Amino acid sequence: MIEIEKPKTRTVEVVVLTEPRTAAEWEAMLDAFATRLAQGRIYRRDLPTLEPAVRRLVEVWNRTLQQPH
């Protein structure tokens, strides 16, 4: 009798964090966030966790726009 070992395949999901580098990449990321939020693909239960970061973004955005060039 001949025994043959079957190779085992294992798939591992790895999260790779990438930071947008250009204005176009930031626009795409923020647009994707807005789209997912509008589609309900971001759970309402997660909104309280996201809220401080979104509020800070709006605050800093408004402050930056008000600064003289």
N, C-alpha and C. Protein backbone atom coordinates (compact mmCIF):
# COMPACT_ATOMS: atom_id res chain seq x y z
N MET A 1 0.84 -1.18 0.00
CA MET A 1 0.00 0.00 0.00
C MET A 1 0.89 1.25 0.00
N ILE A 2 0.51 2.22 -0.80
CA ILE A 2 1.25 3.48 -0.90
C ILE A 2 0.40 4.58 -0.28
N GLU A 3 0.99 5.32 0.63
CA GLU A 3 0.29 6.45 1.24
C GLU A 3 0.77 7.74 0.59
N ILE A 4 -0.18 8.58 0.25
CA ILE A 4 0.14 9.87 -0.36
C ILE A 4 -0.43 10.96 0.54
N GLU A 5 0.42 11.89 0.90
CA GLU A 5 -0.05 13.01 1.73
C GLU A 5 -0.68 14.06 0.83
N LYS A 6 -1.83 14.51 1.23
CA LYS A 6 -2.50 15.59 0.51
C LYS A 6 -2.01 16.92 1.07
N PRO A 7 -1.60 17.82 0.19
CA PRO A 7 -1.20 19.14 0.70
C PRO A 7 -2.42 19.87 1.26
N LYS A 8 -2.21 20.58 2.33
CA LYS A 8 -3.29 21.34 2.94
C LYS A 8 -3.13 22.80 2.57
N THR A 9 -4.22 23.39 2.12
CA THR A 9 -4.22 24.80 1.78
C THR A 9 -4.94 25.55 2.89
N ARG A 10 -4.33 26.61 3.32
CA ARG A 10 -4.92 27.42 4.37
C ARG A 10 -4.92 28.87 3.91
N THR A 11 -6.07 29.50 3.97
CA THR A 11 -6.19 30.90 3.60
C THR A 11 -6.29 31.73 4.86
N VAL A 12 -5.47 32.75 4.93
CA VAL A 12 -5.47 33.63 6.08
C VAL A 12 -5.71 35.04 5.57
N GLU A 13 -6.70 35.70 6.15
CA GLU A 13 -6.98 37.08 5.77
C GLU A 13 -6.15 38.01 6.64
N VAL A 14 -5.44 38.91 5.98
CA VAL A 14 -4.58 39.84 6.68
C VAL A 14 -5.02 41.26 6.34
N VAL A 15 -5.26 42.04 7.36
CA VAL A 15 -5.64 43.43 7.15
C VAL A 15 -4.37 44.25 6.92
N VAL A 16 -4.34 44.94 5.80
CA VAL A 16 -3.21 45.80 5.49
C VAL A 16 -3.72 47.23 5.48
N LEU A 17 -3.28 48.00 6.43
CA LEU A 17 -3.72 49.38 6.52
C LEU A 17 -2.89 50.24 5.57
N THR A 18 -3.58 50.95 4.74
CA THR A 18 -2.89 51.87 3.85
C THR A 18 -3.49 53.25 4.05
N GLU A 19 -2.67 54.23 4.00
CA GLU A 19 -3.13 55.60 4.19
C GLU A 19 -3.16 56.29 2.84
N PRO A 20 -4.26 56.98 2.55
CA PRO A 20 -4.30 57.73 1.30
C PRO A 20 -3.15 58.73 1.24
N ARG A 21 -2.60 58.91 0.06
CA ARG A 21 -1.46 59.82 -0.09
C ARG A 21 -1.79 61.06 -0.92
N THR A 22 -2.76 60.94 -1.78
CA THR A 22 -3.09 62.07 -2.65
C THR A 22 -4.51 62.55 -2.35
N ALA A 23 -4.82 63.74 -2.83
CA ALA A 23 -6.18 64.27 -2.65
C ALA A 23 -7.20 63.33 -3.29
N ALA A 24 -6.87 62.77 -4.43
CA ALA A 24 -7.79 61.85 -5.11
C ALA A 24 -8.02 60.59 -4.28
N GLU A 25 -6.97 60.08 -3.63
CA GLU A 25 -7.12 58.90 -2.78
C GLU A 25 -7.97 59.21 -1.54
N TRP A 26 -7.76 60.39 -0.94
CA TRP A 26 -8.58 60.81 0.20
C TRP A 26 -10.03 60.95 -0.23
N GLU A 27 -10.25 61.55 -1.39
CA GLU A 27 -11.62 61.74 -1.90
C GLU A 27 -12.29 60.39 -2.09
N ALA A 28 -11.57 59.44 -2.66
CA ALA A 28 -12.14 58.11 -2.89
C ALA A 28 -12.49 57.43 -1.57
N MET A 29 -11.61 57.55 -0.57
CA MET A 29 -11.85 56.92 0.72
C MET A 29 -13.06 57.55 1.41
N LEU A 30 -13.13 58.88 1.44
CA LEU A 30 -14.25 59.55 2.10
C LEU A 30 -15.56 59.29 1.36
N ASP A 31 -15.50 59.24 0.03
CA ASP A 31 -16.69 58.94 -0.77
C ASP A 31 -17.17 57.52 -0.49
N ALA A 32 -16.24 56.59 -0.38
CA ALA A 32 -16.61 55.21 -0.08
C ALA A 32 -17.28 55.13 1.30
N PHE A 33 -16.73 55.86 2.26
CA PHE A 33 -17.33 55.89 3.61
C PHE A 33 -18.75 56.44 3.54
N ALA A 34 -18.94 57.57 2.84
CA ALA A 34 -20.26 58.18 2.73
C ALA A 34 -21.24 57.25 2.03
N THR A 35 -20.78 56.58 0.99
CA THR A 35 -21.64 55.66 0.24
C THR A 35 -22.07 54.49 1.13
N ARG A 36 -21.13 53.91 1.83
CA ARG A 36 -21.46 52.77 2.70
C ARG A 36 -22.41 53.20 3.82
N LEU A 37 -22.20 54.39 4.34
CA LEU A 37 -23.09 54.91 5.38
C LEU A 37 -24.50 55.09 4.83
N ALA A 38 -24.61 55.68 3.63
CA ALA A 38 -25.91 55.92 3.01
C ALA A 38 -26.62 54.60 2.67
N GLN A 39 -25.86 53.58 2.35
CA GLN A 39 -26.43 52.28 1.99
C GLN A 39 -26.76 51.43 3.21
N GLY A 40 -26.42 51.92 4.39
CA GLY A 40 -26.66 51.16 5.60
C GLY A 40 -25.65 50.04 5.81
N ARG A 41 -24.52 50.12 5.12
CA ARG A 41 -23.50 49.08 5.25
C ARG A 41 -22.59 49.32 6.44
N ILE A 42 -22.76 50.45 7.11
CA ILE A 42 -22.10 50.71 8.38
C ILE A 42 -23.22 50.64 9.42
N TYR A 43 -23.08 49.73 10.35
CA TYR A 43 -24.15 49.48 11.31
C TYR A 43 -24.39 50.69 12.21
N ARG A 44 -25.67 50.92 12.51
CA ARG A 44 -26.05 52.01 13.42
C ARG A 44 -25.38 51.83 14.77
N ARG A 45 -25.18 50.60 15.19
CA ARG A 45 -24.54 50.36 16.49
C ARG A 45 -23.10 50.85 16.50
N ASP A 46 -22.50 51.02 15.32
CA ASP A 46 -21.12 51.48 15.24
C ASP A 46 -21.00 53.00 15.14
N LEU A 47 -22.11 53.68 14.92
CA LEU A 47 -22.08 55.14 14.76
C LEU A 47 -21.53 55.86 15.98
N PRO A 48 -21.89 55.48 17.20
CA PRO A 48 -21.32 56.17 18.36
C PRO A 48 -19.79 56.07 18.42
N THR A 49 -19.25 54.99 17.95
CA THR A 49 -17.80 54.83 17.93
C THR A 49 -17.17 55.74 16.88
N LEU A 50 -17.85 55.90 15.75
CA LEU A 50 -17.33 56.72 14.65
C LEU A 50 -17.58 58.21 14.85
N GLU A 51 -18.60 58.54 15.62
CA GLU A 51 -19.01 59.94 15.76
C GLU A 51 -17.90 60.90 16.19
N PRO A 52 -17.11 60.59 17.21
CA PRO A 52 -16.07 61.55 17.61
C PRO A 52 -15.08 61.87 16.47
N ALA A 53 -14.71 60.87 15.71
CA ALA A 53 -13.76 61.11 14.62
C ALA A 53 -14.40 61.96 13.51
N VAL A 54 -15.68 61.70 13.22
CA VAL A 54 -16.38 62.47 12.19
C VAL A 54 -16.56 63.91 12.65
N ARG A 55 -16.94 64.09 13.91
CA ARG A 55 -17.09 65.46 14.45
C ARG A 55 -15.76 66.20 14.41
N ARG A 56 -14.68 65.53 14.78
CA ARG A 56 -13.35 66.16 14.75
C ARG A 56 -12.97 66.54 13.33
N LEU A 57 -13.25 65.67 12.37
CA LEU A 57 -12.97 65.97 10.97
C LEU A 57 -13.70 67.23 10.53
N VAL A 58 -14.98 67.32 10.84
CA VAL A 58 -15.78 68.50 10.46
C VAL A 58 -15.23 69.75 11.14
N GLU A 59 -14.90 69.63 12.42
CA GLU A 59 -14.37 70.78 13.17
C GLU A 59 -13.06 71.27 12.56
N VAL A 60 -12.16 70.37 12.30
CA VAL A 60 -10.86 70.75 11.73
C VAL A 60 -11.03 71.27 10.32
N TRP A 61 -11.91 70.65 9.56
CA TRP A 61 -12.19 71.11 8.18
C TRP A 61 -12.67 72.56 8.19
N ASN A 62 -13.66 72.84 9.04
CA ASN A 62 -14.21 74.21 9.11
C ASN A 62 -13.16 75.21 9.58
N ARG A 63 -12.38 74.84 10.57
CA ARG A 63 -11.34 75.73 11.08
C ARG A 63 -10.29 76.00 10.00
N THR A 64 -9.93 74.97 9.26
CA THR A 64 -8.93 75.12 8.19
C THR A 64 -9.43 76.05 7.09
N LEU A 65 -10.70 75.91 6.73
CA LEU A 65 -11.28 76.76 5.69
C LEU A 65 -11.33 78.22 6.10
N GLN A 66 -11.46 78.47 7.41
CA GLN A 66 -11.56 79.85 7.90
C GLN A 66 -10.21 80.54 8.02
N GLN A 67 -9.14 79.79 7.97
CA GLN A 67 -7.80 80.38 8.10
C GLN A 67 -7.43 81.12 6.82
N PRO A 68 -6.78 82.28 6.97
CA PRO A 68 -6.36 83.02 5.77
C PRO A 68 -5.29 82.20 5.02
N HIS A 69 -5.26 82.40 3.74
CA HIS A 69 -4.29 81.66 2.91
C HIS A 69 -2.93 82.13 3.21
